[in-house]
Amino acid sequence: MHISLKGMVAAMVLTLTACGNVSHDVAKDGSTAGQLVWPAPSDVTPMHKGGTFPDPAAVRAVQADMNKQQIAQLIGYPHFEEGVWGVREWNYVFNFRDADTGQVTVCEYKILFDEHKLARSFYWSPEDCARFVKPPVPPTVTPKPTEQVTTLSADALFRFDRYSRADITDDGRGQLDRLADSLLAEQDRIVHIHVIGYTDRIGSDDYNQTLSQRRADTVAAYLVEKHVPADVIGAEGRGKSDPVVQCPDDSSRNTLIACLAPNRRVVVHVETRGG
């Protein structure tokens, strides 16, 4: 049987306009309906059989005050035969794949329009389906700890070859007081304070190890006396390791001692939270 072009157009217009709302008593302002009715997913039009897999971002972009053309550009035209232009309700069947399980959930989505055919209210069946179009939760970014390093000359901190609290020089106390003040100013951000003592290479390994440990312990104890929290401070002696400078052995003793001065030091590593 031959169908005229005029007849085809008439059929299309009927599809777009004539079938009416599915829900009962849709309010003029589109805010609700006397009874929401959900069509059976199997009743979709042939071209929408099985539903569609929408872009969640596109569904999320559907907002109140949009007209039908704007909505269709985002998620397409409705999946049932309720019509397009003359009705105030659109229904869809959407499929969503769970990212964790890989399982597909079938959801129905409903839009109610006001009398001016502007979108006003939105519904899901089952209601839990709304979770599939929620904005993704941004990953929690933990600021990386930062480290501040302060190097103190052992020669300025202590009298020669000494290590005790009583052996700290006036200049040394001034340096440690300023360091303590700076630590207290940001104590809420401090994760750990690592005090490391070093010596030069003159003397035995055991002697240098002991001297470097005692100096580190003294500096840490001094900071605690100045109210820097003791639970974040650790002290370590590393003896003659990690020298800053190398000096020739053929120098006189006094020249060698002076040359090796940068190696005699206490280094304070302060790890703080970022932000």
Protein backbone atom coordinates (compact mmCIF):
# COMPACT_ATOMS: atom_id res chain seq x y z
CA MET A 1 0.00 0.00 0.00
CA HIS A 2 1.33 3.37 -1.02
CA ILE A 3 1.58 6.01 1.76
CA SER A 4 1.73 9.59 0.56
CA LEU A 5 4.28 12.08 1.79
CA LYS A 6 1.42 14.03 3.33
CA GLY A 7 0.36 10.94 5.26
CA MET A 8 3.88 10.33 6.55
CA VAL A 9 4.14 13.91 7.79
CA ALA A 10 0.76 13.59 9.49
CA ALA A 11 1.92 10.40 11.23
CA MET A 12 5.07 12.09 12.45
CA VAL A 13 3.13 15.04 13.80
CA LEU A 14 0.79 12.64 15.59
CA THR A 15 3.75 10.92 17.20
CA LEU A 16 5.22 14.24 18.31
CA THR A 17 2.07 15.79 19.72
CA ALA A 18 -0.95 13.60 20.20
CA CYS A 19 -0.46 10.99 22.90
CA GLY A 20 -0.55 13.08 26.07
CA ASN A 21 1.03 12.77 29.49
CA VAL A 22 1.55 9.45 31.24
CA SER A 23 1.30 10.85 34.77
CA HIS A 24 -2.00 12.22 36.08
CA ASP A 25 -2.77 15.86 36.87
CA VAL A 26 0.57 17.45 36.03
CA ALA A 27 0.59 20.83 37.79
CA LYS A 28 0.53 23.94 35.61
CA ASP A 29 3.87 25.03 37.03
CA GLY A 30 5.34 21.55 36.41
CA SER A 31 6.37 21.20 40.04
CA THR A 32 4.58 17.90 40.61
CA ALA A 33 1.76 15.65 39.46
CA GLY A 34 -1.29 14.22 41.18
CA GLN A 35 0.12 10.78 40.42
CA LEU A 36 3.44 9.95 38.82
CA VAL A 37 3.06 7.06 36.42
CA TRP A 38 6.05 5.18 35.08
CA PRO A 39 5.59 3.46 31.70
CA ALA A 40 6.90 -0.07 31.38
CA PRO A 41 10.48 -0.08 30.02
CA SER A 42 9.37 -2.62 27.43
CA ASP A 43 6.95 -0.05 25.98
CA VAL A 44 9.68 2.19 24.56
CA THR A 45 9.56 3.03 20.88
CA PRO A 46 11.34 0.53 18.61
CA MET A 47 14.32 2.84 18.10
CA HIS A 48 14.86 2.99 21.87
CA LYS A 49 14.44 -0.72 22.55
CA GLY A 50 16.57 -1.72 25.54
CA GLY A 51 17.11 1.90 26.54
CA THR A 52 20.24 3.95 25.99
CA PHE A 53 23.53 4.49 27.79
CA PRO A 54 23.59 8.27 28.35
CA ASP A 55 26.56 10.40 29.19
CA PRO A 56 26.09 11.08 32.94
CA ALA A 57 27.51 14.56 32.45
CA ALA A 58 24.84 15.27 29.82
CA VAL A 59 22.05 14.12 32.15
CA ARG A 60 23.57 16.19 34.92
CA ALA A 61 23.51 19.21 32.63
CA VAL A 62 19.72 19.06 32.28
CA GLN A 63 18.39 21.88 34.42
CA ALA A 64 15.15 23.68 35.23
CA ASP A 65 14.08 26.42 32.77
CA MET A 66 15.46 24.50 29.77
CA ASN A 67 13.15 24.10 26.81
CA LYS A 68 12.57 20.83 25.04
CA GLN A 69 14.99 21.52 22.20
CA GLN A 70 17.77 22.24 24.66
CA ILE A 71 17.07 19.04 26.57
CA ALA A 72 16.91 16.98 23.38
CA GLN A 73 20.34 18.25 22.41
CA LEU A 74 21.71 16.85 25.67
CA ILE A 75 19.92 13.52 26.12
CA GLY A 76 17.75 13.05 23.03
CA TYR A 77 13.99 12.95 22.60
CA PRO A 78 11.76 10.88 24.94
CA HIS A 79 11.78 7.12 24.61
CA PHE A 80 8.03 6.55 24.70
CA GLU A 81 5.05 7.58 22.58
CA GLU A 82 3.67 10.22 24.93
CA GLY A 83 4.67 12.79 22.34
CA VAL A 84 7.23 15.57 22.13
CA TRP A 85 5.83 19.07 21.66
CA GLY A 86 2.27 19.04 22.96
CA VAL A 87 2.91 17.23 26.24
CA ARG A 88 4.34 18.26 29.57
CA GLU A 89 6.10 15.05 30.43
CA TRP A 90 9.06 13.21 28.91
CA ASN A 91 10.19 9.73 29.94
CA TYR A 92 13.44 7.90 29.27
CA VAL A 93 14.95 4.49 29.91
CA PHE A 94 18.63 4.81 30.76
CA ASN A 95 21.23 2.14 31.40
CA PHE A 96 24.15 2.74 33.73
CA ARG A 97 27.13 0.46 34.24
CA ASP A 98 28.47 0.31 37.78
CA ALA A 99 32.14 1.19 37.70
CA ASP A 100 32.95 -1.20 40.56
CA THR A 101 30.92 -4.30 39.67
CA GLY A 102 30.44 -3.88 35.93
CA GLN A 103 26.73 -4.63 36.35
CA VAL A 104 24.16 -2.66 34.37
CA THR A 105 21.26 -0.97 36.17
CA VAL A 106 18.12 0.00 34.24
CA CYS A 107 16.67 3.34 35.33
CA GLU A 108 13.72 5.46 34.27
CA TYR A 109 14.03 9.23 34.13
CA LYS A 110 11.09 11.62 34.04
CA ILE A 111 10.90 15.35 33.31
CA LEU A 112 7.81 17.44 34.01
CA PHE A 113 7.31 20.73 32.16
CA ASP A 114 5.25 23.78 33.06
CA GLU A 115 2.52 25.18 30.83
CA HIS A 116 5.15 27.09 28.89
CA LYS A 117 6.93 23.81 28.15
CA LEU A 118 9.94 24.63 30.30
CA ALA A 119 11.46 21.89 32.46
CA ARG A 120 10.53 22.18 36.12
CA SER A 121 10.93 18.90 38.00
CA PHE A 122 12.90 15.70 37.56
CA TYR A 123 12.40 12.17 38.88
CA TRP A 124 14.14 8.79 38.90
CA SER A 125 12.74 5.30 39.22
CA PRO A 126 14.12 3.76 41.30
CA GLU A 127 15.14 6.91 43.17
CA ASP A 128 18.60 5.47 43.87
CA CYS A 129 19.41 5.85 40.18
CA ALA A 130 20.18 9.52 40.83
CA ARG A 131 23.57 8.39 42.15
CA PHE A 132 24.74 7.54 38.64
CA VAL A 133 24.68 11.17 37.55
CA LYS A 134 26.06 12.78 40.67
CA PRO A 135 29.17 14.86 40.06
CA PRO A 136 32.29 12.75 40.51
CA VAL A 137 33.95 13.24 43.86
CA PRO A 138 37.28 14.92 43.25
CA PRO A 139 40.19 12.90 44.59
CA THR A 140 41.45 13.97 47.96
CA VAL A 141 44.75 15.68 47.48
CA THR A 142 46.99 15.48 50.50
CA PRO A 143 49.55 18.24 50.38
CA LYS A 144 53.04 16.85 50.26
CA PRO A 145 55.16 17.57 53.32
CA THR A 146 57.79 20.20 52.84
CA GLU A 147 61.17 20.29 54.50
CA GLN A 148 63.12 23.22 55.85
CA VAL A 149 66.79 22.69 56.60
CA THR A 150 68.82 24.84 58.97
CA THR A 151 72.56 24.26 59.29
CA LEU A 152 74.24 25.49 62.45
CA SER A 153 78.00 25.67 62.83
CA ALA A 154 79.11 23.47 65.72
CA ASP A 155 82.03 25.84 66.30
CA ALA A 156 79.54 28.68 66.84
CA LEU A 157 77.23 26.56 69.00
CA PHE A 158 79.74 24.89 71.32
CA ARG A 159 83.10 25.55 72.82
CA PHE A 160 85.80 23.56 71.08
CA ASP A 161 85.42 19.81 71.46
CA ARG A 162 82.50 20.22 73.90
CA TYR A 163 78.84 19.28 73.75
CA SER A 164 76.88 19.98 76.95
CA ARG A 165 74.20 22.58 77.68
CA ALA A 166 76.74 24.55 79.70
CA ASP A 167 79.13 24.55 76.73
CA ILE A 168 76.76 26.41 74.41
CA THR A 169 78.22 29.80 73.49
CA ASP A 170 76.37 33.10 73.70
CA ASP A 171 76.19 33.18 69.90
CA GLY A 172 74.97 29.60 69.94
CA ARG A 173 72.14 30.42 72.35
CA GLY A 174 71.09 33.30 70.12
CA GLN A 175 70.95 31.02 67.08
CA LEU A 176 68.98 28.37 68.95
CA ASP A 177 66.56 30.91 70.42
CA ARG A 178 65.78 32.25 66.96
CA LEU A 179 65.34 28.73 65.65
CA ALA A 180 62.98 27.86 68.52
CA ASP A 181 60.91 30.99 67.84
CA SER A 182 60.53 30.08 64.18
CA LEU A 183 59.49 26.53 65.07
CA LEU A 184 56.92 27.69 67.60
CA ALA A 185 55.45 30.07 65.03
CA GLU A 186 54.44 27.12 62.83
CA GLN A 187 54.25 24.29 65.34
CA ASP A 188 50.74 23.34 64.16
CA ARG A 189 52.20 22.40 60.79
CA ILE A 190 55.27 20.56 62.05
CA VAL A 191 55.32 16.83 61.42
CA HIS A 192 58.83 16.02 62.59
CA ILE A 193 62.09 17.70 63.58
CA HIS A 194 65.25 15.72 62.94
CA VAL A 195 68.41 17.07 64.59
CA ILE A 196 71.59 15.58 63.13
CA GLY A 197 75.08 16.16 64.49
CA TYR A 198 78.29 15.88 62.44
CA THR A 199 81.98 16.13 63.24
CA ASP A 200 85.11 16.44 61.15
CA ARG A 201 87.38 13.45 60.47
CA ILE A 202 89.98 14.29 63.07
CA GLY A 203 89.92 11.71 65.87
CA SER A 204 88.62 8.15 66.12
CA ASP A 205 85.37 7.02 64.60
CA ASP A 206 83.92 6.08 68.02
CA TYR A 207 84.84 9.44 69.54
CA ASN A 208 83.37 11.39 66.65
CA GLN A 209 80.19 9.32 66.69
CA THR A 210 79.70 9.93 70.40
CA LEU A 211 80.48 13.66 70.12
CA SER A 212 78.07 14.15 67.21
CA GLN A 213 75.28 12.31 69.06
CA ARG A 214 75.75 14.30 72.25
CA ARG A 215 75.69 17.61 70.38
CA ALA A 216 72.51 16.61 68.56
CA ASP A 217 70.93 15.55 71.87
CA THR A 218 71.88 18.88 73.47
CA VAL A 219 70.39 20.94 70.63
CA ALA A 220 67.17 18.89 70.72
CA ALA A 221 66.91 19.29 74.51
CA TYR A 222 67.48 23.05 74.23
CA LEU A 223 64.60 23.37 71.75
CA VAL A 224 62.35 21.38 74.07
CA GLU A 225 63.28 23.74 76.91
CA LYS A 226 62.02 26.55 74.66
CA HIS A 227 58.65 24.75 74.45
CA VAL A 228 59.09 23.07 71.09
CA PRO A 229 57.01 19.84 71.45
CA ALA A 230 59.27 16.98 72.49
CA ASP A 231 57.17 14.35 70.71
CA VAL A 232 58.14 15.63 67.26
CA ILE A 233 61.91 15.89 67.86
CA GLY A 234 64.48 13.20 67.19
CA ALA A 235 68.27 13.45 67.52
CA GLU A 236 70.93 11.48 65.64
CA GLY A 237 74.71 11.57 65.49
CA ARG A 238 76.45 10.70 62.24
CA GLY A 239 80.06 11.32 63.19
CA LYS A 240 82.35 12.25 60.35
CA SER A 241 79.98 11.06 57.61
CA ASP A 242 78.68 13.26 54.80
CA PRO A 243 81.52 15.82 54.84
CA VAL A 244 80.81 19.18 53.26
CA VAL A 245 84.44 19.87 52.37
CA GLN A 246 87.60 17.84 51.75
CA CYS A 247 90.94 19.13 53.01
CA PRO A 248 94.52 17.99 52.25
CA ASP A 249 96.27 15.89 54.88
CA ASP A 250 99.63 17.64 54.42
CA SER A 251 98.33 20.83 56.05
CA SER A 252 99.36 21.82 59.56
CA ARG A 253 96.95 20.75 62.31
CA ASN A 254 95.59 24.24 62.85
CA THR A 255 95.15 24.75 59.13
CA LEU A 256 93.41 21.38 58.83
CA ILE A 257 91.08 22.17 61.74
CA ALA A 258 90.16 25.49 60.18
CA CYS A 259 89.64 23.92 56.74
CA LEU A 260 87.35 21.22 58.15
CA ALA A 261 85.15 23.69 60.08
CA PRO A 262 82.13 23.35 57.70
CA ASN A 263 82.00 19.63 58.48
CA ARG A 264 81.50 20.33 62.19
CA ARG A 265 77.83 21.19 62.20
CA VAL A 266 74.35 20.45 63.49
CA VAL A 267 71.66 20.22 60.81
CA VAL A 268 68.00 20.63 61.76
CA HIS A 269 65.51 19.14 59.28
CA VAL A 270 61.96 20.39 59.85
CA GLU A 271 59.23 18.51 58.02
CA THR A 272 55.95 20.44 57.80
CA ARG A 273 52.53 19.78 56.35
CA GLY A 274 51.84 21.54 53.10
CA GLY A 275 49.15 24.17 52.73
